[in-house]
Protein backbone atom coordinates (compact mmCIF):
# COMPACT_ATOMS: atom_id res chain seq x y z
CA UNK A 1 144.45 57.60 72.06
CA UNK A 2 147.93 59.09 70.51
CA UNK A 3 145.67 61.16 67.76
CA UNK A 4 142.99 62.31 70.37
CA UNK A 5 145.76 63.45 73.28
CA UNK A 6 148.92 65.15 71.33
CA UNK A 7 147.14 65.37 67.01
CA UNK A 8 149.45 62.86 65.94
CA UNK A 9 149.58 59.16 63.81
CA UNK A 10 150.88 56.13 65.44
CA UNK A 11 152.42 55.45 61.97
CA UNK A 12 154.56 59.20 61.67
CA UNK A 13 157.42 57.17 63.69
CA UNK A 14 156.50 53.86 63.67
CA UNK A 15 155.57 51.08 60.92
CA UNK A 16 152.42 49.96 60.55
CA UNK A 17 154.10 46.52 61.06
CA UNK A 18 156.09 47.50 64.28
CA UNK A 19 152.76 48.71 66.20
CA UNK A 20 151.84 44.81 66.51
CA UNK A 21 154.77 44.04 68.27
CA UNK A 22 152.91 46.21 71.02
CA UNK A 23 150.22 44.91 73.04
CA UNK A 24 148.07 44.41 76.47
CA UNK A 25 148.94 40.49 77.68
CA UNK A 26 145.26 39.48 76.64
CA UNK A 27 145.11 39.76 73.47
CA UNK A 28 141.35 39.19 73.16
CA UNK A 29 141.30 42.59 74.30
CA UNK A 30 143.07 44.03 72.17
CA UNK A 31 141.24 42.34 68.97
CA UNK A 32 141.53 44.13 65.31
CA UNK A 33 138.17 44.01 64.91
CA UNK A 34 137.86 46.46 67.83
CA UNK A 35 140.65 48.63 66.99
CA UNK A 36 140.00 51.25 64.84
CA UNK A 37 142.35 50.81 62.04
CA UNK A 38 143.36 52.85 59.59
CA UNK A 39 141.77 53.54 56.55
CA UNK A 40 145.35 53.32 54.98
CA UNK A 41 145.48 49.70 55.22
CA UNK A 42 144.57 47.12 52.59
CA UNK A 43 141.61 44.17 52.88
CA UNK A 44 144.55 42.12 51.86
CA UNK A 45 147.06 43.62 55.02
CA UNK A 46 143.48 43.79 57.15
CA UNK A 47 143.28 39.45 56.58
CA UNK A 48 146.42 39.39 56.80
CA UNK A 49 146.60 40.63 60.63
CA UNK A 50 143.42 39.46 61.33
CA UNK A 51 144.86 35.64 60.80
CA UNK A 52 148.18 36.68 62.82
CA UNK A 53 146.36 37.35 65.47
CA UNK A 54 143.94 34.33 65.37
CA UNK A 55 147.06 32.56 65.92
CA UNK A 56 148.38 34.45 68.56
CA UNK A 57 144.93 34.08 70.53
CA UNK A 58 145.04 30.37 69.92
CA UNK A 59 148.50 30.15 71.55
CA UNK A 60 147.25 32.39 74.53
CA UNK A 61 144.49 30.16 75.01
CA UNK A 62 146.70 27.17 75.28
CA UNK A 63 149.15 28.37 77.47
CA UNK A 64 148.34 26.53 81.09
CA UNK A 65 147.33 28.13 83.82
CA UNK A 66 150.28 26.96 85.89
CA UNK A 67 153.37 28.54 83.51
CA UNK A 68 154.13 31.97 84.07
CA UNK A 69 152.78 34.39 81.55
CA UNK A 70 156.13 36.56 81.66
CA UNK A 71 157.45 33.96 79.92
CA UNK A 72 155.86 34.96 77.06
CA UNK A 73 156.88 38.58 77.27
CA UNK A 74 159.16 40.05 75.34
CA UNK A 75 161.04 43.17 77.70
CA UNK A 76 161.44 46.60 75.18
CA UNK A 77 163.77 49.53 76.65
CA UNK A 78 163.20 52.25 75.73
CA UNK A 79 165.94 54.79 76.25
CA UNK A 80 165.94 58.57 76.58
CA UNK A 81 168.35 60.89 76.40
CA UNK A 82 168.32 64.68 76.01
CA UNK A 83 170.29 66.48 72.51
CA UNK A 84 170.08 69.55 71.32
CA UNK A 85 170.69 67.93 68.17
CA UNK A 86 166.64 67.63 66.72
CA UNK A 87 168.31 65.84 63.53
CA UNK A 88 169.23 62.92 65.88
CA UNK A 89 165.46 62.84 67.58
CA UNK A 90 163.03 60.47 66.99
CA UNK A 91 160.64 62.16 69.44
CA UNK A 92 161.17 65.71 70.31
CA UNK A 93 159.79 67.06 73.74
CA UNK A 94 160.53 70.32 75.44
CA UNK A 95 160.51 71.27 79.37
CA UNK A 96 158.82 74.46 78.46
CA UNK A 97 155.54 75.77 78.23
CA UNK A 98 155.94 76.63 74.61
CA UNK A 99 154.91 74.47 72.26
CA UNK A 100 154.37 73.79 68.27
CA UNK A 101 153.14 71.36 66.50
CA UNK A 102 156.08 69.49 66.40
CA UNK A 103 157.38 69.27 69.94
CA UNK A 104 155.05 67.61 72.75
CA UNK A 105 155.67 69.00 76.83
CA UNK A 106 157.33 65.88 78.66
CA UNK A 107 158.67 66.38 82.68
CA UNK A 108 158.32 63.39 84.62
CA UNK A 109 159.82 62.53 87.67
CA UNK A 110 160.83 58.95 88.17
CA UNK A 111 161.46 57.88 91.93
CA UNK A 112 164.06 55.18 92.09
CA UNK A 113 161.58 52.48 93.45
CA UNK A 114 159.50 53.22 89.81
CA UNK A 115 162.24 52.15 88.31
CA UNK A 116 163.93 49.84 90.78
CA UNK A 117 160.61 47.77 92.80
CA UNK A 118 162.51 44.79 94.20
CA UNK A 119 164.69 44.83 97.27
CA UNK A 120 167.19 41.67 96.93
CA UNK A 121 164.58 39.19 99.01
CA UNK A 122 162.29 40.08 96.69
CA UNK A 123 164.24 39.18 93.62
CA UNK A 124 165.29 36.61 95.18
CA UNK A 125 161.66 35.30 96.05
CA UNK A 126 160.95 36.11 92.21
CA UNK A 127 164.43 33.93 91.71
CA UNK A 128 163.51 30.88 93.56
CA UNK A 129 160.42 30.83 92.39
CA UNK A 130 161.76 30.55 88.41
CA UNK A 131 164.95 28.55 89.29
CA UNK A 132 163.78 25.95 92.78
CA UNK A 133 167.14 24.32 92.88
CA UNK A 134 169.20 28.15 92.97
CA UNK A 135 171.08 28.91 95.57
CA UNK A 136 171.24 32.02 97.01
CA UNK A 137 174.92 32.24 98.04
CA UNK A 138 175.15 31.79 93.95
CA UNK A 139 173.38 34.45 93.05
CA UNK A 140 175.42 36.71 95.67
CA UNK A 141 178.75 35.16 93.55
CA UNK A 142 177.21 36.21 90.36
CA UNK A 143 176.57 39.24 91.54
CA UNK A 144 179.82 40.16 92.87
CA UNK A 145 181.20 38.68 89.58
CA UNK A 146 179.77 40.49 87.31
CA UNK A 147 179.60 44.08 89.69
CA UNK A 148 175.27 43.77 89.85
CA UNK A 149 174.89 46.82 92.02
CA UNK A 150 177.19 49.10 90.71
CA UNK A 151 175.86 48.94 87.34
CA UNK A 152 172.55 51.15 86.91
CA UNK A 153 171.05 49.08 84.55
CA UNK A 154 170.06 46.67 87.02
CA UNK A 155 170.93 48.35 90.85
CA UNK A 156 170.90 51.62 92.47
CA UNK A 157 171.32 52.31 95.92
CA UNK A 158 168.99 52.99 98.51
CA UNK A 159 169.00 56.07 100.20
CA UNK A 160 167.03 56.38 103.40
CA UNK A 161 167.31 60.47 103.49
CA UNK A 162 167.97 62.63 101.67
CA UNK A 163 171.01 64.24 103.64
CA UNK A 164 172.69 60.76 102.99
CA UNK A 165 171.96 61.00 99.44
CA UNK A 166 173.36 64.81 98.93
CA UNK A 167 176.72 63.57 101.71
CA UNK A 168 177.29 60.49 99.35
CA UNK A 169 177.22 62.71 95.56
CA UNK A 170 179.78 65.15 97.86
CA UNK A 171 181.58 62.36 99.04
CA UNK A 172 181.46 60.45 95.96
CA UNK A 173 181.73 56.92 98.51
CA UNK A 174 178.62 54.73 99.92
CA UNK A 175 178.13 54.12 102.90
CA UNK A 176 178.73 51.27 105.30
CA UNK A 177 175.28 48.95 105.17
CA UNK A 178 173.84 51.15 102.22
CA UNK A 179 171.13 48.91 101.03
CA UNK A 180 170.14 48.57 97.18
CA UNK A 181 167.43 48.06 95.05
CA UNK A 182 167.48 45.87 91.76
CA UNK A 183 164.89 45.95 88.10
CA UNK A 184 163.28 42.63 86.08
CA UNK A 185 166.58 43.04 84.24
CA UNK A 186 168.77 42.22 87.36
CA UNK A 187 166.38 39.02 87.82
CA UNK A 188 166.29 38.06 83.81
CA UNK A 189 170.13 38.76 83.72
CA UNK A 190 170.82 36.38 87.44
CA UNK A 191 168.56 34.07 86.00
CA UNK A 192 170.84 33.30 83.34
CA UNK A 193 174.17 32.90 85.01
CA UNK A 194 172.80 30.99 87.27
């Protein structure tokens, strides 16, 4: 799809073996047999990858249905920053309509609720599901001790109106009773501290 959409080869920036770290949750849906692999890999490499794939599928199929599949997932964060120095960038993007072979057009607004999809109650339900003996008071203490609410890596204030957000930016002070929204990373972090 990368080649079809952007006329780029996936191995331009990523080595072949790294590609297999990225997969759908069901390995059966992305079999090496179904994929159109590059003609550049050797028969030995294809056989090795096929053997590895069979081991992964076997392990996946042996997971009891009641187990949480998320315990087999490795979260990978991709950080994007803007730089004027093209030599420091791994991927080039542009906000203008002018394109060339080296640059992709990228402009995407991400709503806060897309990045932080959990309310406190939803986050608490996830924690309780994975750690039934957890107490809500302990979660509050950890959140206060490690400043979870003031760390954008885990949480952000949830402004109900644009006016209240603008007022906060102007005054630099959050209104009383503001609610926060959280991401999965906050859940994982809190679980390690409980």
